[in-house]
């Protein structure tokens, strides 16, 4: 009987249908359901919602397995990152709802978290997420521990993984080391593995977003508020406070300027001694017609290599144009 449980339990009984929809049909957590109730002015202790979910609706965790805690290391050294699939978010450009991916950063020492949302998992997306994370944290962690995501690792290996060239250049420019987790070994990055579920259940589930920009703004607020100000079960500290007190001062300085993400392509030399890169043409010296060359292009320069040696450097030109250097050569 609800009389034996008190006023908080009676409030849950009065909202039984809504709770059943959230917890049973939509699969939200009891914590998230409690937050949604609070938005409607129905404030109930978190533990009471969990008990109601378990005893009345038969959902939730009744017991926890035994785990062995791994040492967290020194403050400001390691951050673990991983992608997590969230759900559908409206995309005004395409006029449809698209799957949203969350690139999640979890500081190993403090558990302070940052979330970067996107519709893709490209190298450019990971770099953009890192840049946003360094701004959020106010500095750069010395070691980044990613999953074996293809945007960072071209070929996984237990001892000698082959890194994506664009990302390793980025890491070198920002001064951090990349130490990828082993393939199919989530225990190598347990902090962010647990955070992925927390982000999905606490931040994303049950929410309606206008677009990706709206979702990202709310994600930053969630990271600083709900995620940052909760008392973490392991550290027994609020992540944002522990980070500010013991971790932030140990980070490398935050970048002062935006990073120029390069493009790497393999291009074929055509019969007129030109290659096409991003819809612009660049001349190639020598008898290399039909050969394939390696190209690195950023906003300023296009560098062309053949068999490991740089054979031509062009200023970057707009699509539909011919590189200035090639124009001089043809004059």
C-alpha atoms as a PDB file:
ATOM      1  CA  UNK A   1       0.000   0.000   0.000  1.00  0.00           C
ATOM      2  CA  UNK A   2       1.200   3.528  -0.779  1.00  0.00           C
ATOM      3  CA  UNK A   3       0.247   4.531   2.801  1.00  0.00           C
ATOM      4  CA  UNK A   4       3.208   2.540   4.083  1.00  0.00           C
ATOM      5  CA  UNK A   5       5.677   4.417   1.901  1.00  0.00           C
ATOM      6  CA  UNK A   6       4.901   8.068   2.469  1.00  0.00           C
ATOM      7  CA  UNK A   7       4.120  11.144   0.383  1.00  0.00           C
ATOM      8  CA  UNK A   8       6.942  10.670  -2.143  1.00  0.00           C
ATOM      9  CA  UNK A   9       5.715   7.180  -3.005  1.00  0.00           C
ATOM     10  CA  UNK A  10       2.133   8.487  -3.389  1.00  0.00           C
ATOM     11  CA  UNK A  11       3.401  11.031  -5.933  1.00  0.00           C
ATOM     12  CA  UNK A  12       4.895   8.206  -7.951  1.00  0.00           C
ATOM     13  CA  UNK A  13       1.687   6.177  -7.746  1.00  0.00           C
ATOM     14  CA  UNK A  14      -0.223   9.184  -9.063  1.00  0.00           C
ATOM     15  CA  UNK A  15       2.145   9.306 -12.041  1.00  0.00           C
ATOM     16  CA  UNK A  16       2.301   5.548 -12.572  1.00  0.00           C
ATOM     17  CA  UNK A  17       1.276   5.620 -16.249  1.00  0.00           C
ATOM     18  CA  UNK A  18       3.867   8.247 -17.122  1.00  0.00           C
ATOM     19  CA  UNK A  19       6.571   6.363 -15.215  1.00  0.00           C
ATOM     20  CA  UNK A  20       5.632   3.122 -16.970  1.00  0.00           C
ATOM     21  CA  UNK A  21       5.962   4.867 -20.339  1.00  0.00           C
ATOM     22  CA  UNK A  22       9.383   6.290 -19.465  1.00  0.00           C
ATOM     23  CA  UNK A  23      10.850   3.286 -17.683  1.00  0.00           C
ATOM     24  CA  UNK A  24       9.270   0.299 -19.417  1.00  0.00           C
ATOM     25  CA  UNK A  25       8.349   1.510 -22.907  1.00  0.00           C
ATOM     26  CA  UNK A  26      11.126   4.041 -23.578  1.00  0.00           C
ATOM     27  CA  UNK A  27      13.731   2.331 -21.395  1.00  0.00           C
ATOM     28  CA  UNK A  28      14.825   5.448 -19.504  1.00  0.00           C
ATOM     29  CA  UNK A  29      16.688   5.089 -16.227  1.00  0.00           C
ATOM     30  CA  UNK A  30      15.068   5.814 -12.892  1.00  0.00           C
ATOM     31  CA  UNK A  31      17.415   8.764 -12.446  1.00  0.00           C
ATOM     32  CA  UNK A  32      16.311  10.276 -15.753  1.00  0.00           C
ATOM     33  CA  UNK A  33      12.647   9.683 -14.921  1.00  0.00           C
ATOM     34  CA  UNK A  34      13.150  11.502 -11.628  1.00  0.00           C
ATOM     35  CA  UNK A  35      14.685  14.455 -13.457  1.00  0.00           C
ATOM     36  CA  UNK A  36      11.747  14.623 -15.894  1.00  0.00           C
ATOM     37  CA  UNK A  37       9.276  14.523 -12.991  1.00  0.00           C
ATOM     38  CA  UNK A  38      11.144  17.355 -11.280  1.00  0.00           C
ATOM     39  CA  UNK A  39      10.742  19.502 -14.418  1.00  0.00           C
ATOM     40  CA  UNK A  40       7.004  19.114 -13.954  1.00  0.00           C
ATOM     41  CA  UNK A  41       7.241  20.180 -10.322  1.00  0.00           C
ATOM     42  CA  UNK A  42       7.060  16.660  -8.874  1.00  0.00           C
ATOM     43  CA  UNK A  43      10.193  16.316  -6.741  1.00  0.00           C
ATOM     44  CA  UNK A  44      10.863  12.800  -5.433  1.00  0.00           C
ATOM     45  CA  UNK A  45      14.117  11.444  -3.916  1.00  0.00           C
ATOM     46  CA  UNK A  46      16.188   9.524  -6.459  1.00  0.00           C
ATOM     47  CA  UNK A  47      16.331   6.426  -4.286  1.00  0.00           C
ATOM     48  CA  UNK A  48      12.520   6.356  -4.019  1.00  0.00           C
ATOM     49  CA  UNK A  49      12.151   6.442  -7.804  1.00  0.00           C
ATOM     50  CA  UNK A  50      14.637   3.577  -8.090  1.00  0.00           C
ATOM     51  CA  UNK A  51      12.727   1.514  -5.521  1.00  0.00           C
ATOM     52  CA  UNK A  52       9.407   2.185  -7.268  1.00  0.00           C
ATOM     53  CA  UNK A  53      10.908   1.188 -10.621  1.00  0.00           C
ATOM     54  CA  UNK A  54      12.215  -2.071  -9.190  1.00  0.00           C
ATOM     55  CA  UNK A  55       9.349  -3.060  -6.903  1.00  0.00           C
ATOM     56  CA  UNK A  56       6.360  -1.914  -8.972  1.00  0.00           C
ATOM     57  CA  UNK A  57       7.548  -1.886 -12.585  1.00  0.00           C
ATOM     58  CA  UNK A  58      10.205  -4.576 -12.348  1.00  0.00           C
ATOM     59  CA  UNK A  59      12.985  -2.566 -14.016  1.00  0.00           C
ATOM     60  CA  UNK A  60      16.388  -1.402 -12.769  1.00  0.00           C
ATOM     61  CA  UNK A  61      19.403  -2.992 -11.169  1.00  0.00           C
ATOM     62  CA  UNK A  62      18.884  -4.897  -7.943  1.00  0.00           C
ATOM     63  CA  UNK A  63      22.522  -5.834  -7.434  1.00  0.00           C
ATOM     64  CA  UNK A  64      25.940  -4.848  -8.636  1.00  0.00           C
ATOM     65  CA  UNK A  65      28.739  -7.157  -9.661  1.00  0.00           C
ATOM     66  CA  UNK A  66      32.087  -7.147  -7.929  1.00  0.00           C
ATOM     67  CA  UNK A  67      34.701  -4.979  -9.630  1.00  0.00           C
ATOM     68  CA  UNK A  68      38.370  -4.297  -9.057  1.00  0.00           C
ATOM     69  CA  UNK A  69      39.253  -0.626  -9.154  1.00  0.00           C
ATOM     70  CA  UNK A  70      42.177   0.414 -11.358  1.00  0.00           C
ATOM     71  CA  UNK A  71      44.478   3.227 -10.219  1.00  0.00           C
ATOM     72  CA  UNK A  72      43.472   6.548 -11.761  1.00  0.00           C
ATOM     73  CA  UNK A  73      46.993   7.879 -12.336  1.00  0.00           C
ATOM     74  CA  UNK A  74      48.195  11.442 -11.954  1.00  0.00           C
ATOM     75  CA  UNK A  75      45.863  14.433 -12.376  1.00  0.00           C
ATOM     76  CA  UNK A  76      45.879  16.118 -15.775  1.00  0.00           C
ATOM     77  CA  UNK A  77      47.598  13.258 -17.586  1.00  0.00           C
ATOM     78  CA  UNK A  78      45.018  10.961 -19.167  1.00  0.00           C
ATOM     79  CA  UNK A  79      41.678  11.479 -20.884  1.00  0.00           C
ATOM     80  CA  UNK A  80      39.740   8.593 -22.437  1.00  0.00           C
ATOM     81  CA  UNK A  81      37.617   9.201 -25.551  1.00  0.00           C
ATOM     82  CA  UNK A  82      35.027   7.110 -27.355  1.00  0.00           C
ATOM     83  CA  UNK A  83      32.080   7.462 -29.705  1.00  0.00           C
ATOM     84  CA  UNK A  84      28.594   6.521 -28.543  1.00  0.00           C
ATOM     85  CA  UNK A  85      25.462   6.346 -30.686  1.00  0.00           C
ATOM     86  CA  UNK A  86      22.773   8.538 -29.152  1.00  0.00           C
ATOM     87  CA  UNK A  87      19.672   8.685 -31.348  1.00  0.00           C
ATOM     88  CA  UNK A  88      17.935  10.837 -33.941  1.00  0.00           C
ATOM     89  CA  UNK A  89      18.330  14.620 -34.140  1.00  0.00           C
ATOM     90  CA  UNK A  90      16.670  16.860 -36.791  1.00  0.00           C
ATOM     91  CA  UNK A  91      18.984  18.054 -39.574  1.00  0.00           C
ATOM     92  CA  UNK A  92      17.502  21.180 -41.238  1.00  0.00           C
ATOM     93  CA  UNK A  93      19.929  20.895 -44.174  1.00  0.00           C
ATOM     94  CA  UNK A  94      18.611  17.486 -45.231  1.00  0.00           C
ATOM     95  CA  UNK A  95      15.084  17.969 -43.918  1.00  0.00           C
ATOM     96  CA  UNK A  96      15.174  14.697 -41.980  1.00  0.00           C
ATOM     97  CA  UNK A  97      16.245  13.257 -38.638  1.00  0.00           C
ATOM     98  CA  UNK A  98      19.744  11.789 -38.600  1.00  0.00           C
ATOM     99  CA  UNK A  99      21.620   9.542 -36.189  1.00  0.00           C
ATOM    100  CA  UNK A 100      23.633  11.609 -33.716  1.00  0.00           C
ATOM    101  CA  UNK A 101      27.037  10.406 -32.552  1.00  0.00           C
ATOM    102  CA  UNK A 102      28.568  11.627 -29.292  1.00  0.00           C
ATOM    103  CA  UNK A 103      32.353  11.852 -28.969  1.00  0.00           C
ATOM    104  CA  UNK A 104      32.811  11.619 -25.209  1.00  0.00           C
ATOM    105  CA  UNK A 105      35.862  12.779 -23.246  1.00  0.00           C
ATOM    106  CA  UNK A 106      36.292  11.550 -19.668  1.00  0.00           C
ATOM    107  CA  UNK A 107      39.181  12.764 -17.501  1.00  0.00           C
ATOM    108  CA  UNK A 108      40.592   9.652 -15.825  1.00  0.00           C
ATOM    109  CA  UNK A 109      41.470  11.349 -12.533  1.00  0.00           C
ATOM    110  CA  UNK A 110      38.468  13.624 -11.889  1.00  0.00           C
ATOM    111  CA  UNK A 111      35.851  11.988 -14.187  1.00  0.00           C
ATOM    112  CA  UNK A 112      35.003  15.452 -15.551  1.00  0.00           C
ATOM    113  CA  UNK A 113      33.261  14.913 -18.893  1.00  0.00           C
ATOM    114  CA  UNK A 114      32.826  16.717 -22.208  1.00  0.00           C
ATOM    115  CA  UNK A 115      30.491  15.689 -25.039  1.00  0.00           C
ATOM    116  CA  UNK A 116      30.891  16.650 -28.713  1.00  0.00           C
ATOM    117  CA  UNK A 117      27.944  15.821 -30.990  1.00  0.00           C
ATOM    118  CA  UNK A 118      28.052  15.192 -34.726  1.00  0.00           C
ATOM    119  CA  UNK A 119      26.480  13.221 -37.549  1.00  0.00           C
ATOM    120  CA  UNK A 120      29.758  11.477 -38.474  1.00  0.00           C
ATOM    121  CA  UNK A 121      32.875   9.836 -37.058  1.00  0.00           C
ATOM    122  CA  UNK A 122      35.458  11.297 -39.452  1.00  0.00           C
ATOM    123  CA  UNK A 123      38.961  12.417 -38.550  1.00  0.00           C
ATOM    124  CA  UNK A 124      37.885  16.033 -39.001  1.00  0.00           C
ATOM    125  CA  UNK A 125      35.038  15.420 -36.520  1.00  0.00           C
ATOM    126  CA  UNK A 126      37.417  13.950 -33.930  1.00  0.00           C
ATOM    127  CA  UNK A 127      39.819  16.873 -34.314  1.00  0.00           C
ATOM    128  CA  UNK A 128      36.948  19.378 -34.020  1.00  0.00           C
ATOM    129  CA  UNK A 129      35.784  17.543 -30.906  1.00  0.00           C
ATOM    130  CA  UNK A 130      39.271  17.682 -29.399  1.00  0.00           C
ATOM    131  CA  UNK A 131      39.531  21.406 -30.081  1.00  0.00           C
ATOM    132  CA  UNK A 132      36.172  21.993 -28.385  1.00  0.00           C
ATOM    133  CA  UNK A 133      37.198  19.763 -25.467  1.00  0.00           C
ATOM    134  CA  UNK A 134      40.470  21.649 -24.853  1.00  0.00           C
ATOM    135  CA  UNK A 135      38.480  24.899 -24.775  1.00  0.00           C
ATOM    136  CA  UNK A 136      35.964  23.366 -22.340  1.00  0.00           C
ATOM    137  CA  UNK A 137      38.654  21.942 -20.032  1.00  0.00           C
ATOM    138  CA  UNK A 138      40.890  25.012 -20.362  1.00  0.00           C
ATOM    139  CA  UNK A 139      43.896  22.940 -21.441  1.00  0.00           C
ATOM    140  CA  UNK A 140      45.168  19.800 -23.169  1.00  0.00           C
ATOM    141  CA  UNK A 141      45.606  16.413 -21.509  1.00  0.00           C
ATOM    142  CA  UNK A 142      49.030  14.858 -22.017  1.00  0.00           C
ATOM    143  CA  UNK A 143      47.752  11.407 -23.022  1.00  0.00           C
ATOM    144  CA  UNK A 144      44.632  10.669 -25.083  1.00  0.00           C
ATOM    145  CA  UNK A 145      43.317   7.086 -24.908  1.00  0.00           C
ATOM    146  CA  UNK A 146      40.910   6.425 -27.796  1.00  0.00           C
ATOM    147  CA  UNK A 147      39.074   3.347 -28.904  1.00  0.00           C
ATOM    148  CA  UNK A 148      40.429   1.845 -32.141  1.00  0.00           C
ATOM    149  CA  UNK A 149      38.207   4.184 -34.167  1.00  0.00           C
ATOM    150  CA  UNK A 150      39.101   4.311 -37.865  1.00  0.00           C
ATOM    151  CA  UNK A 151      39.278   8.101 -37.753  1.00  0.00           C
ATOM    152  CA  UNK A 152      42.329   7.780 -35.468  1.00  0.00           C
ATOM    153  CA  UNK A 153      43.745   4.288 -36.125  1.00  0.00           C
ATOM    154  CA  UNK A 154      44.169   3.029 -39.700  1.00  0.00           C
ATOM    155  CA  UNK A 155      45.309  -0.428 -38.609  1.00  0.00           C
ATOM    156  CA  UNK A 156      44.961  -1.779 -35.081  1.00  0.00           C
ATOM    157  CA  UNK A 157      47.808  -3.714 -33.491  1.00  0.00           C
ATOM    158  CA  UNK A 158      48.529  -4.623 -29.838  1.00  0.00           C
ATOM    159  CA  UNK A 159      52.010  -3.074 -29.925  1.00  0.00           C
ATOM    160  CA  UNK A 160      52.409  -1.069 -33.161  1.00  0.00           C
ATOM    161  CA  UNK A 161      49.111   0.413 -34.377  1.00  0.00           C
ATOM    162  CA  UNK A 162      49.237   2.394 -37.617  1.00  0.00           C
ATOM    163  CA  UNK A 163      47.857   5.856 -36.926  1.00  0.00           C
ATOM    164  CA  UNK A 164      45.849   8.087 -39.213  1.00  0.00           C
ATOM    165  CA  UNK A 165      48.396  10.596 -40.513  1.00  0.00           C
ATOM    166  CA  UNK A 166      46.118  13.617 -40.157  1.00  0.00           C
ATOM    167  CA  UNK A 167      45.336  12.828 -36.524  1.00  0.00           C
ATOM    168  CA  UNK A 168      48.924  12.054 -35.525  1.00  0.00           C
ATOM    169  CA  UNK A 169      49.994  15.412 -37.018  1.00  0.00           C
ATOM    170  CA  UNK A 170      47.269  17.047 -34.963  1.00  0.00           C
ATOM    171  CA  UNK A 171      48.433  15.277 -31.792  1.00  0.00           C
ATOM    172  CA  UNK A 172      51.999  16.448 -32.406  1.00  0.00           C
ATOM    173  CA  UNK A 173      50.850  20.029 -32.959  1.00  0.00           C
ATOM    174  CA  UNK A 174      48.926  20.044 -29.663  1.00  0.00           C
ATOM    175  CA  UNK A 175      51.605  18.176 -27.710  1.00  0.00           C
ATOM    176  CA  UNK A 176      49.722  15.077 -26.562  1.00  0.00           C
ATOM    177  CA  UNK A 177      50.468  11.360 -26.918  1.00  0.00           C
ATOM    178  CA  UNK A 178      47.950   8.919 -28.417  1.00  0.00           C
ATOM    179  CA  UNK A 179      47.754   5.605 -26.530  1.00  0.00           C
ATOM    180  CA  UNK A 180      44.928   3.569 -28.117  1.00  0.00           C
ATOM    181  CA  UNK A 181      43.057   0.846 -26.284  1.00  0.00           C
ATOM    182  CA  UNK A 182      43.461  -2.724 -27.503  1.00  0.00           C
ATOM    183  CA  UNK A 183      40.935  -4.097 -29.957  1.00  0.00           C
ATOM    184  CA  UNK A 184      37.717  -5.320 -28.279  1.00  0.00           C
ATOM    185  CA  UNK A 185      39.155  -4.538 -24.825  1.00  0.00           C
ATOM    186  CA  UNK A 186      36.776  -2.086 -23.114  1.00  0.00           C
ATOM    187  CA  UNK A 187      38.644  -2.560 -19.821  1.00  0.00           C
ATOM    188  CA  UNK A 188      41.461  -0.455 -21.327  1.00  0.00           C
ATOM    189  CA  UNK A 189      39.134   2.588 -21.170  1.00  0.00           C
ATOM    190  CA  UNK A 190      36.562   1.781 -18.469  1.00  0.00           C
ATOM    191  CA  UNK A 191      35.962   5.381 -17.401  1.00  0.00           C
ATOM    192  CA  UNK A 192      34.631   6.511 -20.773  1.00  0.00           C
ATOM    193  CA  UNK A 193      32.868   3.188 -21.402  1.00  0.00           C
ATOM    194  CA  UNK A 194      30.687   3.827 -18.348  1.00  0.00           C
ATOM    195  CA  UNK A 195      30.255   7.482 -19.288  1.00  0.00           C
ATOM    196  CA  UNK A 196      28.808   6.554 -22.699  1.00  0.00           C
ATOM    197  CA  UNK A 197      25.845   4.901 -20.968  1.00  0.00           C
ATOM    198  CA  UNK A 198      25.506   7.825 -18.560  1.00  0.00           C
ATOM    199  CA  UNK A 199      25.427  10.347 -21.422  1.00  0.00           C
ATOM    200  CA  UNK A 200      22.863   8.310 -23.343  1.00  0.00           C
ATOM    201  CA  UNK A 201      20.580   7.749 -20.355  1.00  0.00           C
ATOM    202  CA  UNK A 202      20.933  11.019 -18.451  1.00  0.00           C
ATOM    203  CA  UNK A 203      21.495  13.603 -21.195  1.00  0.00           C
ATOM    204  CA  UNK A 204      20.003  12.312 -24.441  1.00  0.00           C
ATOM    205  CA  UNK A 205      17.144   9.951 -23.541  1.00  0.00           C
ATOM    206  CA  UNK A 206      13.682  11.494 -23.357  1.00  0.00           C
ATOM    207  CA  UNK A 207      14.792  14.846 -24.814  1.00  0.00           C
ATOM    208  CA  UNK A 208      13.652  16.703 -27.942  1.00  0.00           C
ATOM    209  CA  UNK A 209      16.242  18.800 -29.774  1.00  0.00           C
ATOM    210  CA  UNK A 210      15.673  21.451 -32.438  1.00  0.00           C
ATOM    211  CA  UNK A 211      18.868  20.584 -34.300  1.00  0.00           C
ATOM    212  CA  UNK A 212      22.477  19.579 -33.669  1.00  0.00           C
ATOM    213  CA  UNK A 213      23.437  23.084 -32.529  1.00  0.00           C
ATOM    214  CA  UNK A 214      20.677  23.061 -29.922  1.00  0.00           C
ATOM    215  CA  UNK A 215      21.756  19.609 -28.742  1.00  0.00           C
ATOM    216  CA  UNK A 216      25.397  20.700 -28.466  1.00  0.00           C
ATOM    217  CA  UNK A 217      24.575  23.794 -26.419  1.00  0.00           C
ATOM    218  CA  UNK A 218      22.520  21.696 -24.022  1.00  0.00           C
ATOM    219  CA  UNK A 219      25.255  19.049 -23.892  1.00  0.00           C
ATOM    220  CA  UNK A 220      27.792  21.624 -22.659  1.00  0.00           C
ATOM    221  CA  UNK A 221      25.358  22.783 -19.960  1.00  0.00           C
ATOM    222  CA  UNK A 222      24.741  19.154 -18.968  1.00  0.00           C
ATOM    223  CA  UNK A 223      28.499  18.470 -18.728  1.00  0.00           C
ATOM    224  CA  UNK A 224      29.071  21.466 -16.461  1.00  0.00           C
ATOM    225  CA  UNK A 225      25.874  20.943 -14.472  1.00  0.00           C
ATOM    226  CA  UNK A 226      24.239  17.536 -14.121  1.00  0.00           C
ATOM    227  CA  UNK A 227      27.370  15.492 -14.931  1.00  0.00           C
ATOM    228  CA  UNK A 228      29.896  17.810 -13.331  1.00  0.00           C
ATOM    229  CA  UNK A 229      28.049  18.508 -10.095  1.00  0.00           C
ATOM    230  CA  UNK A 230      26.897  14.985  -9.238  1.00  0.00           C
ATOM    231  CA  UNK A 231      28.779  13.106  -6.550  1.00  0.00           C
ATOM    232  CA  UNK A 232      30.694  10.392  -8.381  1.00  0.00           C
ATOM    233  CA  UNK A 233      30.210   6.946  -6.881  1.00  0.00           C
ATOM    234  CA  UNK A 234      33.900   6.019  -6.989  1.00  0.00           C
ATOM    235  CA  UNK A 235      35.703   9.267  -6.193  1.00  0.00           C
ATOM    236  CA  UNK A 236      32.940  10.525  -3.866  1.00  0.00           C
ATOM    237  CA  UNK A 237      33.643  14.007  -5.274  1.00  0.00           C
ATOM    238  CA  UNK A 238      31.934  16.288  -7.720  1.00  0.00           C
ATOM    239  CA  UNK A 239      33.926  15.938 -10.978  1.00  0.00           C
ATOM    240  CA  UNK A 240      33.912  19.649 -11.836  1.00  0.00           C
ATOM    241  CA  UNK A 241      35.191  20.573  -8.352  1.00  0.00           C
ATOM    242  CA  UNK A 242      37.865  17.857  -8.254  1.00  0.00           C
ATOM    243  CA  UNK A 243      38.989  18.873 -11.737  1.00  0.00           C
ATOM    244  CA  UNK A 244      39.290  22.559 -10.786  1.00  0.00           C
ATOM    245  CA  UNK A 245      41.010  21.799  -7.485  1.00  0.00           C
ATOM    246  CA  UNK A 246      43.551  19.154  -8.462  1.00  0.00           C
ATOM    247  CA  UNK A 247      43.644  18.592 -12.210  1.00  0.00           C
ATOM    248  CA  UNK A 248      43.268  21.685 -14.372  1.00  0.00           C
ATOM    249  CA  UNK A 249      46.581  23.266 -13.406  1.00  0.00           C
ATOM    250  CA  UNK A 250      48.455  20.198 -14.684  1.00  0.00           C
ATOM    251  CA  UNK A 251      47.084  20.430 -18.233  1.00  0.00           C
ATOM    252  CA  UNK A 252      49.100  21.692 -21.185  1.00  0.00           C
ATOM    253  CA  UNK A 253      48.087  25.212 -22.305  1.00  0.00           C
ATOM    254  CA  UNK A 254      44.899  25.416 -24.357  1.00  0.00           C
ATOM    255  CA  UNK A 255      45.453  26.187 -28.076  1.00  0.00           C
ATOM    256  CA  UNK A 256      45.540  29.883 -28.890  1.00  0.00           C
ATOM    257  CA  UNK A 257      44.619  29.506 -32.589  1.00  0.00           C
ATOM    258  CA  UNK A 258      42.333  27.238 -34.589  1.00  0.00           C
ATOM    259  CA  UNK A 259      43.895  24.135 -36.121  1.00  0.00           C
ATOM    260  CA  UNK A 260      44.078  23.839 -39.911  1.00  0.00           C
ATOM    261  CA  UNK A 261      42.899  20.291 -40.652  1.00  0.00           C
ATOM    262  CA  UNK A 262      44.777  18.946 -43.702  1.00  0.00           C
ATOM    263  CA  UNK A 263      43.320  16.733 -46.409  1.00  0.00           C
ATOM    264  CA  UNK A 264      45.237  13.642 -47.553  1.00  0.00           C
ATOM    265  CA  UNK A 265      44.463  12.140 -50.955  1.00  0.00           C
ATOM    266  CA  UNK A 266      46.054   9.913 -53.559  1.00  0.00           C
ATOM    267  CA  UNK A 267      45.755  11.495 -57.022  1.00  0.00           C
ATOM    268  CA  UNK A 268      46.463  10.223 -60.522  1.00  0.00           C
ATOM    269  CA  UNK A 269      48.632  12.346 -62.846  1.00  0.00           C
ATOM    270  CA  UNK A 270      46.644  13.005 -66.018  1.00  0.00           C
ATOM    271  CA  UNK A 271      47.947  13.296 -69.594  1.00  0.00           C
ATOM    272  CA  UNK A 272      48.326  17.083 -69.296  1.00  0.00           C
ATOM    273  CA  UNK A 273      50.685  16.636 -66.274  1.00  0.00           C
ATOM    274  CA  UNK A 274      48.037  17.814 -63.798  1.00  0.00           C
ATOM    275  CA  UNK A 275      46.307  16.309 -60.783  1.00  0.00           C
ATOM    276  CA  UNK A 276      42.917  17.278 -59.372  1.00  0.00           C
ATOM    277  CA  UNK A 277      42.591  17.990 -55.657  1.00  0.00           C
ATOM    278  CA  UNK A 278      39.331  19.331 -54.195  1.00  0.00           C
ATOM    279  CA  UNK A 279      38.186  20.268 -57.753  1.00  0.00           C
ATOM    280  CA  UNK A 280      41.298  22.406 -58.397  1.00  0.00           C
ATOM    281  CA  UNK A 281      44.173  21.511 -60.766  1.00  0.00           C
ATOM    282  CA  UNK A 282      47.891  21.422 -59.904  1.00  0.00           C
ATOM    283  CA  UNK A 283      50.797  20.717 -62.242  1.00  0.00           C
ATOM    284  CA  UNK A 284      53.211  17.836 -61.668  1.00  0.00           C
ATOM    285  CA  UNK A 285      56.787  17.935 -63.056  1.00  0.00           C
ATOM    286  CA  UNK A 286      58.580  15.042 -64.747  1.00  0.00           C
ATOM    287  CA  UNK A 287      57.340  12.009 -66.628  1.00  0.00           C
ATOM    288  CA  UNK A 288      54.736  10.793 -64.130  1.00  0.00           C
ATOM    289  CA  UNK A 289      51.704  10.534 -66.416  1.00  0.00           C
ATOM    290  CA  UNK A 290      49.502   7.695 -65.175  1.00  0.00           C
ATOM    291  CA  UNK A 291      51.297   7.466 -61.828  1.00  0.00           C
ATOM    292  CA  UNK A 292      49.655   8.078 -58.474  1.00  0.00           C
ATOM    293  CA  UNK A 293      51.053  10.692 -56.105  1.00  0.00           C
ATOM    294  CA  UNK A 294      50.363  11.419 -52.438  1.00  0.00           C
ATOM    295  CA  UNK A 295      48.923  14.841 -51.662  1.00  0.00           C
ATOM    296  CA  UNK A 296      48.669  16.799 -48.418  1.00  0.00           C
ATOM    297  CA  UNK A 297      46.539  19.941 -48.672  1.00  0.00           C
ATOM    298  CA  UNK A 298      45.726  22.500 -45.995  1.00  0.00           C
ATOM    299  CA  UNK A 299      44.211  25.963 -46.371  1.00  0.00           C
ATOM    300  CA  UNK A 300      47.486  27.478 -47.598  1.00  0.00           C
ATOM    301  CA  UNK A 301      49.644  24.843 -49.264  1.00  0.00           C
ATOM    302  CA  UNK A 302      49.328  21.723 -51.410  1.00  0.00           C
ATOM    303  CA  UNK A 303      52.340  19.408 -51.018  1.00  0.00           C
ATOM    304  CA  UNK A 304      52.770  16.579 -53.541  1.00  0.00           C
ATOM    305  CA  UNK A 305      54.987  13.539 -52.886  1.00  0.00           C
ATOM    306  CA  UNK A 306      55.997  10.552 -54.993  1.00  0.00           C
ATOM    307  CA  UNK A 307      57.580   7.471 -53.429  1.00  0.00           C
ATOM    308  CA  UNK A 308      58.218   9.346 -50.199  1.00  0.00           C
ATOM    309  CA  UNK A 309      59.900  12.411 -51.761  1.00  0.00           C
ATOM    310  CA  UNK A 310      58.281  15.848 -52.121  1.00  0.00           C
ATOM    311  CA  UNK A 311      58.182  16.725 -55.813  1.00  0.00           C
ATOM    312  CA  UNK A 312      56.049  19.872 -55.855  1.00  0.00           C
ATOM    313  CA  UNK A 313      54.592  22.486 -53.495  1.00  0.00           C
ATOM    314  CA  UNK A 314      51.702  24.683 -54.694  1.00  0.00           C
ATOM    315  CA  UNK A 315      49.762  27.490 -53.061  1.00  0.00           C
ATOM    316  CA  UNK A 316      46.196  26.258 -52.395  1.00  0.00           C
ATOM    317  CA  UNK A 317      43.701  27.520 -54.970  1.00  0.00           C
ATOM    318  CA  UNK A 318      39.918  27.579 -55.121  1.00  0.00           C
ATOM    319  CA  UNK A 319      37.852  24.900 -56.809  1.00  0.00           C
ATOM    320  CA  UNK A 320      37.777  25.268 -60.597  1.00  0.00           C
ATOM    321  CA  UNK A 321      41.115  27.077 -60.742  1.00  0.00           C
ATOM    322  CA  UNK A 322      44.604  26.052 -61.786  1.00  0.00           C
ATOM    323  CA  UNK A 323      47.424  26.527 -59.276  1.00  0.00           C
ATOM    324  CA  UNK A 324      49.391  29.732 -59.800  1.00  0.00           C
ATOM    325  CA  UNK A 325      52.630  27.812 -60.039  1.00  0.00           C
ATOM    326  CA  UNK A 326      51.262  25.713 -62.891  1.00  0.00           C
ATOM    327  CA  UNK A 327      50.025  28.847 -64.686  1.00  0.00           C
ATOM    328  CA  UNK A 328      53.563  30.251 -64.678  1.00  0.00           C
ATOM    329  CA  UNK A 329      54.921  26.980 -65.986  1.00  0.00           C
ATOM    330  CA  UNK A 330      52.463  26.913 -68.884  1.00  0.00           C
ATOM    331  CA  UNK A 331      53.143  30.558 -69.865  1.00  0.00           C
END
